[in-house]
Amino acid sequence: MARLNKTQTQAGGGEVVSLNEPLLDCAAAAALLNVRVSWVRDAARLGHLPCLRVGRHLRFTRVMLEDWLVVQLARPPAAGRAYAAAAATPRANASPFRRSTQAALLASLAERPNDAAVEREG
């Protein structure tokens, strides 16, 4: 087995992890990827972006992010944004109006007499 220096440790899978560079926090990873910090947190939480958990903190290495980018570049381009498919399929009981607008619309229709009732009275 190769001898490790003070800044290297062997992970469970046999790969050598180096701490020659500091771990990056979410803000530094976001700056490196040129995205919002909230995107980094969400992507890491969902498992789309590799991360290390140090206590309750998310940390990244530059090598992890570079390897992730290589995988992203090797994948075929997506047909669109991830939420485009969800937006294209409406919910069964979806209304084009917000709840408050829909309630107001129904209330106004209930108050207004329909045309048949007006003709009968007149």
PDB file of N, CA and C in Angstrom:
ATOM      1  N   MET A   1       0.850  -1.175   0.000  1.00  0.00           N
ATOM      2  CA  MET A   1       0.000   0.000   0.000  1.00  0.00           C
ATOM      3  C   MET A   1       0.888   1.227   0.000  1.00  0.00           C
ATOM      4  N   ALA A   2       0.512   2.200  -0.798  1.00  0.00           N
ATOM      5  CA  ALA A   2       1.298   3.429  -0.891  1.00  0.00           C
ATOM      6  C   ALA A   2       1.150   4.223   0.400  1.00  0.00           C
ATOM      7  N   ARG A   3       2.199   4.881   0.771  1.00  0.00           N
ATOM      8  CA  ARG A   3       2.173   5.691   1.986  1.00  0.00           C
ATOM      9  C   ARG A   3       1.510   7.030   1.686  1.00  0.00           C
ATOM     10  N   LEU A   4       0.603   7.458   2.555  1.00  0.00           N
ATOM     11  CA  LEU A   4      -0.128   8.705   2.371  1.00  0.00           C
ATOM     12  C   LEU A   4       0.538   9.800   3.185  1.00  0.00           C
ATOM     13  N   ASN A   5       0.555  11.013   2.629  1.00  0.00           N
ATOM     14  CA  ASN A   5       1.099  12.132   3.400  1.00  0.00           C
ATOM     15  C   ASN A   5       0.030  12.695   4.324  1.00  0.00           C
ATOM     16  N   LYS A   6       0.365  13.721   5.071  1.00  0.00           N
ATOM     17  CA  LYS A   6      -0.544  14.268   6.085  1.00  0.00           C
ATOM     18  C   LYS A   6      -1.841  14.812   5.500  1.00  0.00           C
ATOM     19  N   THR A   7      -1.812  15.291   4.283  1.00  0.00           N
ATOM     20  CA  THR A   7      -2.999  15.931   3.716  1.00  0.00           C
ATOM     21  C   THR A   7      -3.825  14.979   2.863  1.00  0.00           C
ATOM     22  N   GLN A   8      -3.488  13.695   2.865  1.00  0.00           N
ATOM     23  CA  GLN A   8      -4.253  12.737   2.076  1.00  0.00           C
ATOM     24  C   GLN A   8      -4.827  11.663   2.988  1.00  0.00           C
ATOM     25  N   THR A   9      -5.948  11.158   2.617  1.00  0.00           N
ATOM     26  CA  THR A   9      -6.564  10.066   3.346  1.00  0.00           C
ATOM     27  C   THR A   9      -7.171   9.108   2.340  1.00  0.00           C
ATOM     28  N   GLN A  10      -7.311   7.850   2.730  1.00  0.00           N
ATOM     29  CA  GLN A  10      -7.872   6.868   1.818  1.00  0.00           C
ATOM     30  C   GLN A  10      -9.340   6.666   2.149  1.00  0.00           C
ATOM     31  N   ALA A  11     -10.175   6.803   1.148  1.00  0.00           N
ATOM     32  CA  ALA A  11     -11.612   6.620   1.330  1.00  0.00           C
ATOM     33  C   ALA A  11     -11.940   5.140   1.319  1.00  0.00           C
ATOM     34  N   GLY A  12     -13.165   4.805   1.679  1.00  0.00           N
ATOM     35  CA  GLY A  12     -13.601   3.417   1.765  1.00  0.00           C
ATOM     36  C   GLY A  12     -13.472   2.668   0.455  1.00  0.00           C
ATOM     37  N   GLY A  13     -13.638   3.311  -0.678  1.00  0.00           N
ATOM     38  CA  GLY A  13     -13.556   2.663  -1.980  1.00  0.00           C
ATOM     39  C   GLY A  13     -12.135   2.522  -2.492  1.00  0.00           C
ATOM     40  N   GLY A  14     -11.141   2.966  -1.746  1.00  0.00           N
ATOM     41  CA  GLY A  14      -9.752   2.851  -2.154  1.00  0.00           C
ATOM     42  C   GLY A  14      -9.214   4.091  -2.835  1.00  0.00           C
ATOM     43  N   GLU A  15     -10.064   5.063  -3.159  1.00  0.00           N
ATOM     44  CA  GLU A  15      -9.585   6.272  -3.810  1.00  0.00           C
ATOM     45  C   GLU A  15      -8.939   7.185  -2.768  1.00  0.00           C
ATOM     46  N   VAL A  16      -7.973   7.964  -3.210  1.00  0.00           N
ATOM     47  CA  VAL A  16      -7.259   8.864  -2.319  1.00  0.00           C
ATOM     48  C   VAL A  16      -7.891  10.247  -2.413  1.00  0.00           C
ATOM     49  N   VAL A  17      -8.269  10.788  -1.264  1.00  0.00           N
ATOM     50  CA  VAL A  17      -8.855  12.106  -1.199  1.00  0.00           C
ATOM     51  C   VAL A  17      -7.790  13.055  -0.675  1.00  0.00           C
ATOM     52  N   SER A  18      -7.583  14.146  -1.381  1.00  0.00           N
ATOM     53  CA  SER A  18      -6.554  15.095  -1.001  1.00  0.00           C
ATOM     54  C   SER A  18      -7.185  16.359  -0.442  1.00  0.00           C
ATOM     55  N   LEU A  19      -6.589  16.882   0.608  1.00  0.00           N
ATOM     56  CA  LEU A  19      -7.050  18.143   1.178  1.00  0.00           C
ATOM     57  C   LEU A  19      -6.013  19.239   0.946  1.00  0.00           C
ATOM     58  N   ASN A  20      -5.352  19.177  -0.209  1.00  0.00           N
ATOM     59  CA  ASN A  20      -4.403  20.234  -0.566  1.00  0.00           C
ATOM     60  C   ASN A  20      -5.129  21.551  -0.808  1.00  0.00           C
ATOM     61  N   GLU A  21      -6.357  21.470  -1.281  1.00  0.00           N
ATOM     62  CA  GLU A  21      -7.184  22.662  -1.499  1.00  0.00           C
ATOM     63  C   GLU A  21      -8.285  22.657  -0.448  1.00  0.00           C
ATOM     64  N   PRO A  22      -8.732  23.827  -0.018  1.00  0.00           N
ATOM     65  CA  PRO A  22      -9.798  23.862   0.995  1.00  0.00           C
ATOM     66  C   PRO A  22     -11.127  23.389   0.416  1.00  0.00           C
ATOM     67  N   LEU A  23     -11.986  22.906   1.296  1.00  0.00           N
ATOM     68  CA  LEU A  23     -13.337  22.543   0.880  1.00  0.00           C
ATOM     69  C   LEU A  23     -14.107  23.810   0.561  1.00  0.00           C
ATOM     70  N   LEU A  24     -14.973  23.723  -0.436  1.00  0.00           N
ATOM     71  CA  LEU A  24     -15.773  24.875  -0.853  1.00  0.00           C
ATOM     72  C   LEU A  24     -17.132  24.820  -0.171  1.00  0.00           C
ATOM     73  N   ASP A  25     -17.628  25.964   0.251  1.00  0.00           N
ATOM     74  CA  ASP A  25     -18.986  26.022   0.779  1.00  0.00           C
ATOM     75  C   ASP A  25     -19.939  26.267  -0.393  1.00  0.00           C
ATOM     76  N   CYS A  26     -21.230  26.375  -0.093  1.00  0.00           N
ATOM     77  CA  CYS A  26     -22.231  26.551  -1.151  1.00  0.00           C
ATOM     78  C   CYS A  26     -22.005  27.830  -1.955  1.00  0.00           C
ATOM     79  N   ALA A  27     -21.613  28.892  -1.284  1.00  0.00           N
ATOM     80  CA  ALA A  27     -21.394  30.165  -1.982  1.00  0.00           C
ATOM     81  C   ALA A  27     -20.208  30.062  -2.943  1.00  0.00           C
ATOM     82  N   ALA A  28     -19.143  29.415  -2.515  1.00  0.00           N
ATOM     83  CA  ALA A  28     -17.974  29.271  -3.385  1.00  0.00           C
ATOM     84  C   ALA A  28     -18.278  28.336  -4.557  1.00  0.00           C
ATOM     85  N   ALA A  29     -19.030  27.261  -4.299  1.00  0.00           N
ATOM     86  CA  ALA A  29     -19.409  26.344  -5.382  1.00  0.00           C
ATOM     87  C   ALA A  29     -20.319  27.050  -6.380  1.00  0.00           C
ATOM     88  N   ALA A  30     -21.238  27.866  -5.872  1.00  0.00           N
ATOM     89  CA  ALA A  30     -22.140  28.616  -6.751  1.00  0.00           C
ATOM     90  C   ALA A  30     -21.356  29.601  -7.605  1.00  0.00           C
ATOM     91  N   ALA A  31     -20.377  30.266  -7.016  1.00  0.00           N
ATOM     92  CA  ALA A  31     -19.555  31.205  -7.776  1.00  0.00           C
ATOM     93  C   ALA A  31     -18.756  30.471  -8.848  1.00  0.00           C
ATOM     94  N   LEU A  32     -18.247  29.305  -8.507  1.00  0.00           N
ATOM     95  CA  LEU A  32     -17.469  28.525  -9.471  1.00  0.00           C
ATOM     96  C   LEU A  32     -18.337  28.045 -10.631  1.00  0.00           C
ATOM     97  N   LEU A  33     -19.579  27.656 -10.340  1.00  0.00           N
ATOM     98  CA  LEU A  33     -20.490  27.165 -11.375  1.00  0.00           C
ATOM     99  C   LEU A  33     -21.307  28.276 -12.024  1.00  0.00           C
ATOM    100  N   ASN A  34     -21.223  29.486 -11.477  1.00  0.00           N
ATOM    101  CA  ASN A  34     -21.958  30.642 -11.978  1.00  0.00           C
ATOM    102  C   ASN A  34     -23.471  30.415 -11.914  1.00  0.00           C
ATOM    103  N   VAL A  35     -23.918  29.938 -10.745  1.00  0.00           N
ATOM    104  CA  VAL A  35     -25.335  29.734 -10.489  1.00  0.00           C
ATOM    105  C   VAL A  35     -25.662  30.327  -9.122  1.00  0.00           C
ATOM    106  N   ARG A  36     -26.934  30.332  -8.776  1.00  0.00           N
ATOM    107  CA  ARG A  36     -27.344  30.843  -7.467  1.00  0.00           C
ATOM    108  C   ARG A  36     -27.019  29.843  -6.367  1.00  0.00           C
ATOM    109  N   VAL A  37     -26.806  30.357  -5.183  1.00  0.00           N
ATOM    110  CA  VAL A  37     -26.512  29.509  -4.027  1.00  0.00           C
ATOM    111  C   VAL A  37     -27.692  28.575  -3.759  1.00  0.00           C
ATOM    112  N   SER A  38     -28.902  29.071  -3.928  1.00  0.00           N
ATOM    113  CA  SER A  38     -30.088  28.238  -3.691  1.00  0.00           C
ATOM    114  C   SER A  38     -30.130  27.058  -4.658  1.00  0.00           C
ATOM    115  N   TRP A  39     -29.653  27.262  -5.886  1.00  0.00           N
ATOM    116  CA  TRP A  39     -29.615  26.151  -6.852  1.00  0.00           C
ATOM    117  C   TRP A  39     -28.637  25.091  -6.382  1.00  0.00           C
ATOM    118  N   VAL A  40     -27.485  25.514  -5.886  1.00  0.00           N
ATOM    119  CA  VAL A  40     -26.478  24.562  -5.396  1.00  0.00           C
ATOM    120  C   VAL A  40     -27.066  23.757  -4.246  1.00  0.00           C
ATOM    121  N   ARG A  41     -27.708  24.415  -3.301  1.00  0.00           N
ATOM    122  CA  ARG A  41     -28.294  23.710  -2.152  1.00  0.00           C
ATOM    123  C   ARG A  41     -29.365  22.719  -2.607  1.00  0.00           C
ATOM    124  N   ASP A  42     -30.236  23.156  -3.503  1.00  0.00           N
ATOM    125  CA  ASP A  42     -31.308  22.286  -3.986  1.00  0.00           C
ATOM    126  C   ASP A  42     -30.750  21.092  -4.756  1.00  0.00           C
ATOM    127  N   ALA A  43     -29.796  21.338  -5.638  1.00  0.00           N
ATOM    128  CA  ALA A  43     -29.218  20.265  -6.445  1.00  0.00           C
ATOM    129  C   ALA A  43     -28.484  19.256  -5.567  1.00  0.00           C
ATOM    130  N   ALA A  44     -27.793  19.733  -4.549  1.00  0.00           N
ATOM    131  CA  ALA A  44     -27.099  18.821  -3.635  1.00  0.00           C
ATOM    132  C   ALA A  44     -28.105  18.025  -2.805  1.00  0.00           C
ATOM    133  N   ARG A  45     -29.160  18.698  -2.339  1.00  0.00           N
ATOM    134  CA  ARG A  45     -30.178  18.031  -1.527  1.00  0.00           C
ATOM    135  C   ARG A  45     -30.878  16.939  -2.323  1.00  0.00           C
ATOM    136  N   LEU A  46     -31.137  17.194  -3.603  1.00  0.00           N
ATOM    137  CA  LEU A  46     -31.816  16.222  -4.461  1.00  0.00           C
ATOM    138  C   LEU A  46     -30.886  15.144  -5.003  1.00  0.00           C
ATOM    139  N   GLY A  47     -29.579  15.290  -4.770  1.00  0.00           N
ATOM    140  CA  GLY A  47     -28.624  14.294  -5.234  1.00  0.00           C
ATOM    141  C   GLY A  47     -28.138  14.517  -6.649  1.00  0.00           C
ATOM    142  N   HIS A  48     -28.466  15.655  -7.251  1.00  0.00           N
ATOM    143  CA  HIS A  48     -28.016  15.942  -8.611  1.00  0.00           C
ATOM    144  C   HIS A  48     -26.585  16.464  -8.641  1.00  0.00           C
ATOM    145  N   LEU A  49     -26.144  17.065  -7.569  1.00  0.00           N
ATOM    146  CA  LEU A  49     -24.804  17.636  -7.469  1.00  0.00           C
ATOM    147  C   LEU A  49     -24.083  16.935  -6.327  1.00  0.00           C
ATOM    148  N   PRO A  50     -22.910  16.334  -6.590  1.00  0.00           N
ATOM    149  CA  PRO A  50     -22.213  15.622  -5.520  1.00  0.00           C
ATOM    150  C   PRO A  50     -21.720  16.590  -4.451  1.00  0.00           C
ATOM    151  N   CYS A  51     -21.807  16.152  -3.217  1.00  0.00           N
ATOM    152  CA  CYS A  51     -21.360  16.992  -2.109  1.00  0.00           C
ATOM    153  C   CYS A  51     -20.865  16.128  -0.965  1.00  0.00           C
ATOM    154  N   LEU A  52     -20.208  16.771  -0.048  1.00  0.00           N
ATOM    155  CA  LEU A  52     -19.791  16.138   1.207  1.00  0.00           C
ATOM    156  C   LEU A  52     -20.579  16.800   2.314  1.00  0.00           C
ATOM    157  N   ARG A  53     -20.986  16.029   3.285  1.00  0.00           N
ATOM    158  CA  ARG A  53     -21.646  16.602   4.453  1.00  0.00           C
ATOM    159  C   ARG A  53     -20.646  16.595   5.592  1.00  0.00           C
ATOM    160  N   VAL A  54     -20.392  17.774   6.116  1.00  0.00           N
ATOM    161  CA  VAL A  54     -19.528  17.938   7.268  1.00  0.00           C
ATOM    162  C   VAL A  54     -20.437  18.461   8.371  1.00  0.00           C
ATOM    163  N   GLY A  55     -20.883  17.557   9.206  1.00  0.00           N
ATOM    164  CA  GLY A  55     -21.917  17.927  10.167  1.00  0.00           C
ATOM    165  C   GLY A  55     -23.186  18.229   9.398  1.00  0.00           C
ATOM    166  N   ARG A  56     -23.726  19.407   9.608  1.00  0.00           N
ATOM    167  CA  ARG A  56     -24.921  19.797   8.853  1.00  0.00           C
ATOM    168  C   ARG A  56     -24.583  20.673   7.654  1.00  0.00           C
ATOM    169  N   HIS A  57     -23.320  20.881   7.393  1.00  0.00           N
ATOM    170  CA  HIS A  57     -22.871  21.763   6.321  1.00  0.00           C
ATOM    171  C   HIS A  57     -22.601  20.983   5.041  1.00  0.00           C
ATOM    172  N   LEU A  58     -22.916  21.598   3.907  1.00  0.00           N
ATOM    173  CA  LEU A  58     -22.588  21.024   2.602  1.00  0.00           C
ATOM    174  C   LEU A  58     -21.236  21.568   2.177  1.00  0.00           C
ATOM    175  N   ARG A  59     -20.369  20.688   1.737  1.00  0.00           N
ATOM    176  CA  ARG A  59     -19.050  21.105   1.257  1.00  0.00           C
ATOM    177  C   ARG A  59     -18.766  20.399  -0.053  1.00  0.00           C
ATOM    178  N   PHE A  60     -17.926  21.038  -0.856  1.00  0.00           N
ATOM    179  CA  PHE A  60     -17.591  20.538  -2.186  1.00  0.00           C
ATOM    180  C   PHE A  60     -16.082  20.632  -2.378  1.00  0.00           C
ATOM    181  N   THR A  61     -15.550  19.801  -3.256  1.00  0.00           N
ATOM    182  CA  THR A  61     -14.169  19.977  -3.704  1.00  0.00           C
ATOM    183  C   THR A  61     -14.231  20.415  -5.158  1.00  0.00           C
ATOM    184  N   ARG A  62     -13.228  21.098  -5.568  1.00  0.00           N
ATOM    185  CA  ARG A  62     -13.166  21.548  -6.960  1.00  0.00           C
ATOM    186  C   ARG A  62     -13.169  20.346  -7.902  1.00  0.00           C
ATOM    187  N   VAL A  63     -12.478  19.283  -7.512  1.00  0.00           N
ATOM    188  CA  VAL A  63     -12.408  18.074  -8.339  1.00  0.00           C
ATOM    189  C   VAL A  63     -13.792  17.445  -8.487  1.00  0.00           C
ATOM    190  N   MET A  64     -14.565  17.416  -7.401  1.00  0.00           N
ATOM    191  CA  MET A  64     -15.935  16.876  -7.481  1.00  0.00           C
ATOM    192  C   MET A  64     -16.768  17.650  -8.490  1.00  0.00           C
ATOM    193  N   LEU A  65     -16.691  18.962  -8.427  1.00  0.00           N
ATOM    194  CA  LEU A  65     -17.478  19.794  -9.337  1.00  0.00           C
ATOM    195  C   LEU A  65     -17.001  19.659 -10.777  1.00  0.00           C
ATOM    196  N   GLU A  66     -15.681  19.558 -10.974  1.00  0.00           N
ATOM    197  CA  GLU A  66     -15.149  19.383 -12.332  1.00  0.00           C
ATOM    198  C   GLU A  66     -15.573  18.038 -12.908  1.00  0.00           C
ATOM    199  N   ASP A  67     -15.517  16.974 -12.090  1.00  0.00           N
ATOM    200  CA  ASP A  67     -15.960  15.654 -12.554  1.00  0.00           C
ATOM    201  C   ASP A  67     -17.444  15.664 -12.892  1.00  0.00           C
ATOM    202  N   TRP A  68     -18.250  16.353 -12.075  1.00  0.00           N
ATOM    203  CA  TRP A  68     -19.685  16.470 -12.337  1.00  0.00           C
ATOM    204  C   TRP A  68     -19.924  17.179 -13.670  1.00  0.00           C
ATOM    205  N   LEU A  69     -19.152  18.233 -13.938  1.00  0.00           N
ATOM    206  CA  LEU A  69     -19.300  18.961 -15.207  1.00  0.00           C
ATOM    207  C   LEU A  69     -18.952  18.086 -16.400  1.00  0.00           C
ATOM    208  N   VAL A  70     -17.937  17.253 -16.270  1.00  0.00           N
ATOM    209  CA  VAL A  70     -17.555  16.348 -17.363  1.00  0.00           C
ATOM    210  C   VAL A  70     -18.718  15.410 -17.679  1.00  0.00           C
ATOM    211  N   VAL A  71     -19.358  14.890 -16.643  1.00  0.00           N
ATOM    212  CA  VAL A  71     -20.507  14.000 -16.842  1.00  0.00           C
ATOM    213  C   VAL A  71     -21.650  14.759 -17.512  1.00  0.00           C
ATOM    214  N   GLN A  72     -21.887  16.003 -17.088  1.00  0.00           N
ATOM    215  CA  GLN A  72     -22.959  16.804 -17.675  1.00  0.00           C
ATOM    216  C   GLN A  72     -22.702  17.075 -19.152  1.00  0.00           C
ATOM    217  N   LEU A  73     -21.465  17.322 -19.514  1.00  0.00           N
ATOM    218  CA  LEU A  73     -21.131  17.586 -20.915  1.00  0.00           C
ATOM    219  C   LEU A  73     -21.239  16.334 -21.767  1.00  0.00           C
ATOM    220  N   ALA A  74     -21.040  15.161 -21.163  1.00  0.00           N
ATOM    221  CA  ALA A  74     -21.099  13.898 -21.912  1.00  0.00           C
ATOM    222  C   ALA A  74     -22.533  13.451 -22.154  1.00  0.00           C
ATOM    223  N   ARG A  75     -23.473  13.931 -21.348  1.00  0.00           N
ATOM    224  CA  ARG A  75     -24.873  13.543 -21.510  1.00  0.00           C
ATOM    225  C   ARG A  75     -25.483  14.245 -22.710  1.00  0.00           C
ATOM    226  N   PRO A  76     -26.436  13.577 -23.374  1.00  0.00           N
ATOM    227  CA  PRO A  76     -27.114  14.255 -24.488  1.00  0.00           C
ATOM    228  C   PRO A  76     -27.940  15.408 -23.940  1.00  0.00           C
ATOM    229  N   PRO A  77     -28.104  16.472 -24.713  1.00  0.00           N
ATOM    230  CA  PRO A  77     -28.860  17.627 -24.221  1.00  0.00           C
ATOM    231  C   PRO A  77     -30.319  17.255 -23.965  1.00  0.00           C
ATOM    232  N   ALA A  78     -30.876  17.831 -22.924  1.00  0.00           N
ATOM    233  CA  ALA A  78     -32.272  17.567 -22.571  1.00  0.00           C
ATOM    234  C   ALA A  78     -33.183  18.253 -23.581  1.00  0.00           C
ATOM    235  N   ALA A  79     -34.388  17.730 -23.720  1.00  0.00           N
ATOM    236  CA  ALA A  79     -35.342  18.290 -24.669  1.00  0.00           C
ATOM    237  C   ALA A  79     -35.865  19.645 -24.214  1.00  0.00           C
ATOM    238  N   GLY A  80     -35.709  19.953 -22.984  1.00  0.00           N
ATOM    239  CA  GLY A  80     -36.181  21.211 -22.429  1.00  0.00           C
ATOM    240  C   GLY A  80     -35.911  21.236 -20.948  1.00  0.00           C
ATOM    241  N   ARG A  81     -36.439  22.225 -20.295  1.00  0.00           N
ATOM    242  CA  ARG A  81     -36.246  22.295 -18.846  1.00  0.00           C
ATOM    243  C   ARG A  81     -37.004  21.166 -18.173  1.00  0.00           C
ATOM    244  N   ALA A  82     -36.546  20.808 -17.003  1.00  0.00           N
ATOM    245  CA  ALA A  82     -37.140  19.690 -16.273  1.00  0.00           C
ATOM    246  C   ALA A  82     -38.602  19.953 -15.943  1.00  0.00           C
ATOM    247  N   TYR A  83     -38.948  21.186 -15.695  1.00  0.00           N
ATOM    248  CA  TYR A  83     -40.327  21.469 -15.319  1.00  0.00           C
ATOM    249  C   TYR A  83     -41.232  21.669 -16.518  1.00  0.00           C
ATOM    250  N   ALA A  84     -40.707  21.653 -17.728  1.00  0.00           N
ATOM    251  CA  ALA A  84     -41.538  21.861 -18.917  1.00  0.00           C
ATOM    252  C   ALA A  84     -42.544  20.728 -19.085  1.00  0.00           C
ATOM    253  N   ALA A  85     -42.137  19.492 -18.805  1.00  0.00           N
ATOM    254  CA  ALA A  85     -43.048  18.362 -18.949  1.00  0.00           C
ATOM    255  C   ALA A  85     -44.162  18.438 -17.918  1.00  0.00           C
ATOM    256  N   ALA A  86     -43.828  18.824 -16.712  1.00  0.00           N
ATOM    257  CA  ALA A  86     -44.847  18.938 -15.668  1.00  0.00           C
ATOM    258  C   ALA A  86     -45.825  20.066 -15.992  1.00  0.00           C
ATOM    259  N   ALA A  87     -45.335  21.146 -16.541  1.00  0.00           N
ATOM    260  CA  ALA A  87     -46.204  22.268 -16.875  1.00  0.00           C
ATOM    261  C   ALA A  87     -47.103  21.941 -18.066  1.00  0.00           C
ATOM    262  N   ALA A  88     -46.665  21.051 -18.927  1.00  0.00           N
ATOM    263  CA  ALA A  88     -47.437  20.709 -20.122  1.00  0.00           C
ATOM    264  C   ALA A  88     -48.616  19.802 -19.798  1.00  0.00           C
ATOM    265  N   THR A  89     -48.555  19.079 -18.683  1.00  0.00           N
ATOM    266  CA  THR A  89     -49.644  18.187 -18.327  1.00  0.00           C
ATOM    267  C   THR A  89     -50.445  18.822 -17.205  1.00  0.00           C
ATOM    268  N   PRO A  90     -51.627  19.334 -17.515  1.00  0.00           N
ATOM    269  CA  PRO A  90     -52.423  20.005 -16.485  1.00  0.00           C
ATOM    270  C   PRO A  90     -52.984  19.002 -15.480  1.00  0.00           C
ATOM    271  N   ARG A  91     -53.200  19.474 -14.275  1.00  0.00           N
ATOM    272  CA  ARG A  91     -53.827  18.631 -13.258  1.00  0.00           C
ATOM    273  C   ARG A  91     -55.284  18.421 -13.634  1.00  0.00           C
ATOM    274  N   ALA A  92     -55.860  17.352 -13.125  1.00  0.00           N
ATOM    275  CA  ALA A  92     -57.233  17.003 -13.484  1.00  0.00           C
ATOM    276  C   ALA A  92     -58.222  18.078 -13.050  1.00  0.00           C
ATOM    277  N   ASN A  93     -58.015  18.656 -11.877  1.00  0.00           N
ATOM    278  CA  ASN A  93     -58.967  19.648 -11.383  1.00  0.00           C
ATOM    279  C   ASN A  93     -58.387  21.059 -11.451  1.00  0.00           C
ATOM    280  N   ALA A  94     -57.445  21.263 -12.319  1.00  0.00           N
ATOM    281  CA  ALA A  94     -56.791  22.569 -12.416  1.00  0.00           C
ATOM    282  C   ALA A  94     -57.732  23.590 -13.051  1.00  0.00           C
ATOM    283  N   SER A  95     -57.664  24.791 -12.552  1.00  0.00           N
ATOM    284  CA  SER A  95     -58.469  25.881 -13.087  1.00  0.00           C
ATOM    285  C   SER A  95     -57.522  26.950 -13.614  1.00  0.00           C
ATOM    286  N   PRO A  96     -57.912  27.665 -14.664  1.00  0.00           N
ATOM    287  CA  PRO A  96     -57.038  28.718 -15.163  1.00  0.00           C
ATOM    288  C   PRO A  96     -57.003  29.929 -14.237  1.00  0.00           C
ATOM    289  N   PHE A  97     -57.874  29.936 -13.201  1.00  0.00           N
ATOM    290  CA  PHE A  97     -57.946  31.060 -12.281  1.00  0.00           C
ATOM    291  C   PHE A  97     -57.349  30.691 -10.928  1.00  0.00           C
ATOM    292  N   ARG A  98     -56.827  31.684 -10.231  1.00  0.00           N
ATOM    293  CA  ARG A  98     -56.420  31.475  -8.847  1.00  0.00           C
ATOM    294  C   ARG A  98     -57.657  31.182  -8.021  1.00  0.00           C
ATOM    295  N   ARG A  99     -57.460  30.562  -6.849  1.00  0.00           N
ATOM    296  CA  ARG A  99     -58.611  30.212  -5.999  1.00  0.00           C
ATOM    297  C   ARG A  99     -59.454  31.426  -5.669  1.00  0.00           C
ATOM    298  N   SER A 100     -58.826  32.523  -5.281  1.00  0.00           N
ATOM    299  CA  SER A 100     -59.599  33.710  -4.898  1.00  0.00           C
ATOM    300  C   SER A 100     -60.369  34.270  -6.093  1.00  0.00           C
ATOM    301  N   THR A 101     -59.737  34.259  -7.271  1.00  0.00           N
ATOM    302  CA  THR A 101     -60.409  34.745  -8.472  1.00  0.00           C
ATOM    303  C   THR A 101     -61.557  33.824  -8.844  1.00  0.00           C
ATOM    304  N   GLN A 102     -61.308  32.533  -8.741  1.00  0.00           N
ATOM    305  CA  GLN A 102     -62.350  31.562  -9.083  1.00  0.00           C
ATOM    306  C   GLN A 102     -63.531  31.692  -8.122  1.00  0.00           C
ATOM    307  N   ALA A 103     -63.278  31.860  -6.828  1.00  0.00           N
ATOM    308  CA  ALA A 103     -64.356  32.015  -5.851  1.00  0.00           C
ATOM    309  C   ALA A 103     -65.157  33.280  -6.122  1.00  0.00           C
ATOM    310  N   ALA A 104     -64.482  34.380  -6.435  1.00  0.00           N
ATOM    311  CA  ALA A 104     -65.177  35.633  -6.731  1.00  0.00           C
ATOM    312  C   ALA A 104     -66.028  35.500  -7.992  1.00  0.00           C
ATOM    313  N   LEU A 105     -65.507  34.819  -8.989  1.00  0.00           N
ATOM    314  CA  LEU A 105     -66.237  34.609 -10.227  1.00  0.00           C
ATOM    315  C   LEU A 105     -67.504  33.782  -9.982  1.00  0.00           C
ATOM    316  N   LEU A 106     -67.370  32.715  -9.219  1.00  0.00           N
ATOM    317  CA  LEU A 106     -68.539  31.879  -8.918  1.00  0.00           C
ATOM    318  C   LEU A 106     -69.563  32.643  -8.095  1.00  0.00           C
ATOM    319  N   ALA A 107     -69.098  33.470  -7.140  1.00  0.00           N
ATOM    320  CA  ALA A 107     -70.029  34.260  -6.329  1.00  0.00           C
ATOM    321  C   ALA A 107     -70.783  35.268  -7.183  1.00  0.00           C
ATOM    322  N   SER A 108     -70.094  35.907  -8.122  1.00  0.00           N
ATOM    323  CA  SER A 108     -70.763  36.891  -8.973  1.00  0.00           C
ATOM    324  C   SER A 108     -71.760  36.224  -9.920  1.00  0.00           C
ATOM    325  N   LEU A 109     -71.448  35.026 -10.374  1.00  0.00           N
ATOM    326  CA  LEU A 109     -72.384  34.304 -11.239  1.00  0.00           C
ATOM    327  C   LEU A 109     -73.614  33.881 -10.463  1.00  0.00           C
ATOM    328  N   ALA A 110     -73.443  33.538  -9.194  1.00  0.00           N
ATOM    329  CA  ALA A 110     -74.582  33.127  -8.369  1.00  0.00           C
ATOM    330  C   ALA A 110     -75.496  34.309  -8.076  1.00  0.00           C
ATOM    331  N   GLU A 111     -74.953  35.498  -7.948  1.00  0.00           N
ATOM    332  CA  GLU A 111     -75.747  36.685  -7.648  1.00  0.00           C
ATOM    333  C   GLU A 111     -76.512  37.184  -8.873  1.00  0.00           C
ATOM    334  N   ARG A 112     -75.929  37.031 -10.051  1.00  0.00           N
ATOM    335  CA  ARG A 112     -76.529  37.554 -11.271  1.00  0.00           C
ATOM    336  C   ARG A 112     -77.585  36.583 -11.776  1.00  0.00           C
ATOM    337  N   PRO A 113     -78.788  37.023 -12.008  1.00  0.00           N
ATOM    338  CA  PRO A 113     -79.817  36.117 -12.534  1.00  0.00           C
ATOM    339  C   PRO A 113     -79.473  35.709 -13.962  1.00  0.00           C
ATOM    340  N   ASN A 114     -79.806  34.483 -14.281  1.00  0.00           N
ATOM    341  CA  ASN A 114     -79.500  34.035 -15.647  1.00  0.00           C
ATOM    342  C   ASN A 114     -80.519  34.603 -16.628  1.00  0.00           C
ATOM    343  N   ASP A 115     -80.249  34.496 -17.891  1.00  0.00           N
ATOM    344  CA  ASP A 115     -81.085  35.106 -18.933  1.00  0.00           C
ATOM    345  C   ASP A 115     -82.495  34.523 -18.977  1.00  0.00           C
ATOM    346  N   ALA A 116     -82.639  33.247 -18.708  1.00  0.00           N
ATOM    347  CA  ALA A 116     -83.966  32.631 -18.761  1.00  0.00           C
ATOM    348  C   ALA A 116     -84.858  33.180 -17.668  1.00  0.00           C
ATOM    349  N   ALA A 117     -84.331  33.397 -16.472  1.00  0.00           N
ATOM    350  CA  ALA A 117     -85.116  33.936 -15.376  1.00  0.00           C
ATOM    351  C   ALA A 117     -85.526  35.367 -15.659  1.00  0.00           C
ATOM    352  N   VAL A 118     -84.690  36.165 -16.293  1.00  0.00           N
ATOM    353  CA  VAL A 118     -84.992  37.552 -16.635  1.00  0.00           C
ATOM    354  C   VAL A 118     -86.105  37.583 -17.670  1.00  0.00           C
ATOM    355  N   GLU A 119     -86.084  36.688 -18.666  1.00  0.00           N
ATOM    356  CA  GLU A 119     -87.101  36.658 -19.700  1.00  0.00           C
ATOM    357  C   GLU A 119     -88.462  36.267 -19.126  1.00  0.00           C
ATOM    358  N   ARG A 120     -88.464  35.337 -18.163  1.00  0.00           N
ATOM    359  CA  ARG A 120     -89.722  34.902 -17.565  1.00  0.00           C
ATOM    360  C   ARG A 120     -90.382  36.034 -16.756  1.00  0.00           C
ATOM    361  N   GLU A 121     -89.513  36.818 -16.077  1.00  0.00           N
ATOM    362  CA  GLU A 121     -90.052  37.907 -15.245  1.00  0.00           C
ATOM    363  C   GLU A 121     -90.540  39.048 -16.130  1.00  0.00           C
ATOM    364  N   GLY A 122     -89.942  39.282 -17.218  1.00  0.00           N
ATOM    365  CA  GLY A 122     -90.219  40.449 -18.054  1.00  0.00           C
ATOM    366  C   GLY A 122     -91.291  40.270 -19.007  1.00  0.00           C
TER     367      GLY A 122
END
